[in-house]
């Protein structure tokens, strides 16, 4: 979701998304799979020949996509935490 789209999503939905993202990140399979996929992409790049631009580009974009996926999941958890902290602060002030 783009920032403009996120600002239109109700806080309750963003909290739900953040909860789901955190659950996904903490799954044992996900924790085991991400490093294996990173290693696979790095190895594919390192084992390719300098003149094999297609293989190198594919490995690079796969690695970038994986990083973006993990970063997006972490961002969704952070958004949720910010909303919950904001709500907690408002309750404490009252």
Protein backbone atom coordinates (compact mmCIF):
# COMPACT_ATOMS: atom_id res chain seq x y z
CA UNK A 1 0.00 0.00 0.00
CA UNK A 2 1.16 3.49 -0.74
CA UNK A 3 1.21 6.17 1.95
CA UNK A 4 -1.94 7.82 0.60
CA UNK A 5 -3.72 4.47 0.71
CA UNK A 6 -2.48 3.75 4.25
CA UNK A 7 -3.78 7.09 5.56
CA UNK A 8 -7.29 6.10 4.44
CA UNK A 9 -7.24 2.76 6.27
CA UNK A 10 -8.92 2.77 9.69
CA UNK A 11 -6.64 2.27 12.68
CA UNK A 12 -8.41 -0.97 13.59
CA UNK A 13 -7.53 -2.44 10.19
CA UNK A 14 -3.89 -1.27 10.47
CA UNK A 15 -3.67 -2.94 13.88
CA UNK A 16 -5.09 -6.14 12.39
CA UNK A 17 -2.57 -5.99 9.52
CA UNK A 18 0.27 -5.38 11.98
CA UNK A 19 -0.80 -8.33 14.11
CA UNK A 20 -0.91 -10.60 11.07
CA UNK A 21 2.50 -9.34 9.88
CA UNK A 22 4.05 -9.98 13.29
CA UNK A 23 2.56 -13.47 13.42
CA UNK A 24 3.95 -14.19 9.94
CA UNK A 25 7.42 -12.84 10.80
CA UNK A 26 7.55 -14.97 13.94
CA UNK A 27 6.58 -18.22 12.19
CA UNK A 28 9.41 -20.75 12.45
CA UNK A 29 9.14 -21.58 8.75
CA UNK A 30 9.46 -17.93 7.76
CA UNK A 31 12.44 -17.44 10.09
CA UNK A 32 14.16 -20.45 8.53
CA UNK A 33 13.17 -19.70 4.94
CA UNK A 34 14.28 -16.07 4.67
CA UNK A 35 17.99 -16.72 5.39
CA UNK A 36 17.95 -19.67 2.99
CA UNK A 37 16.46 -17.51 0.24
CA UNK A 38 18.98 -14.74 0.92
CA UNK A 39 21.83 -17.24 0.73
CA UNK A 40 20.40 -18.65 -2.48
CA UNK A 41 20.23 -15.22 -4.12
CA UNK A 42 23.73 -14.26 -2.99
CA UNK A 43 25.15 -17.59 -4.13
CA UNK A 44 23.43 -17.31 -7.51
CA UNK A 45 24.97 -13.88 -7.96
CA UNK A 46 28.43 -14.90 -6.74
CA UNK A 47 28.54 -18.06 -8.84
CA UNK A 48 27.46 -16.30 -12.01
CA UNK A 49 30.01 -15.11 -14.49
CA UNK A 50 30.54 -11.36 -14.87
CA UNK A 51 29.27 -11.51 -18.42
CA UNK A 52 26.05 -13.31 -17.38
CA UNK A 53 24.09 -10.14 -16.79
CA UNK A 54 20.70 -11.86 -16.94
CA UNK A 55 21.49 -14.27 -14.06
CA UNK A 56 23.07 -11.51 -12.00
CA UNK A 57 20.14 -9.18 -12.55
CA UNK A 58 17.65 -11.91 -11.65
CA UNK A 59 19.52 -12.70 -8.41
CA UNK A 60 19.78 -9.01 -7.56
CA UNK A 61 16.08 -8.35 -8.07
CA UNK A 62 15.11 -11.48 -6.14
CA UNK A 63 17.27 -10.34 -3.22
CA UNK A 64 15.77 -6.83 -3.38
CA UNK A 65 12.22 -8.23 -3.47
CA UNK A 66 12.91 -10.38 -0.43
CA UNK A 67 14.35 -7.40 1.46
CA UNK A 68 11.32 -5.31 0.50
CA UNK A 69 8.96 -8.02 1.71
CA UNK A 70 10.64 -8.25 5.12
CA UNK A 71 10.87 -4.45 5.42
CA UNK A 72 7.18 -4.07 4.58
CA UNK A 73 6.16 -6.64 7.18
CA UNK A 74 8.31 -4.89 9.79
CA UNK A 75 6.83 -1.53 8.80
CA UNK A 76 3.32 -2.88 9.29
CA UNK A 77 4.27 -4.02 12.79
CA UNK A 78 5.76 -0.57 13.51
CA UNK A 79 2.60 1.17 12.29
CA UNK A 80 0.54 -1.02 14.59
CA UNK A 81 2.85 -0.29 17.53
CA UNK A 82 2.67 3.46 16.86
CA UNK A 83 -1.13 3.36 16.81
CA UNK A 84 -1.26 1.35 20.03
CA UNK A 85 1.26 3.65 21.73
CA UNK A 86 -0.71 6.70 20.60
CA UNK A 87 -3.92 5.21 22.00
CA UNK A 88 -2.14 4.31 25.24
CA UNK A 89 -0.81 7.86 25.61
CA UNK A 90 -4.28 9.33 25.07
CA UNK A 91 -5.76 7.03 27.74
CA UNK A 92 -2.99 7.93 30.22
CA UNK A 93 -3.57 11.66 29.68
CA UNK A 94 -7.27 11.35 30.47
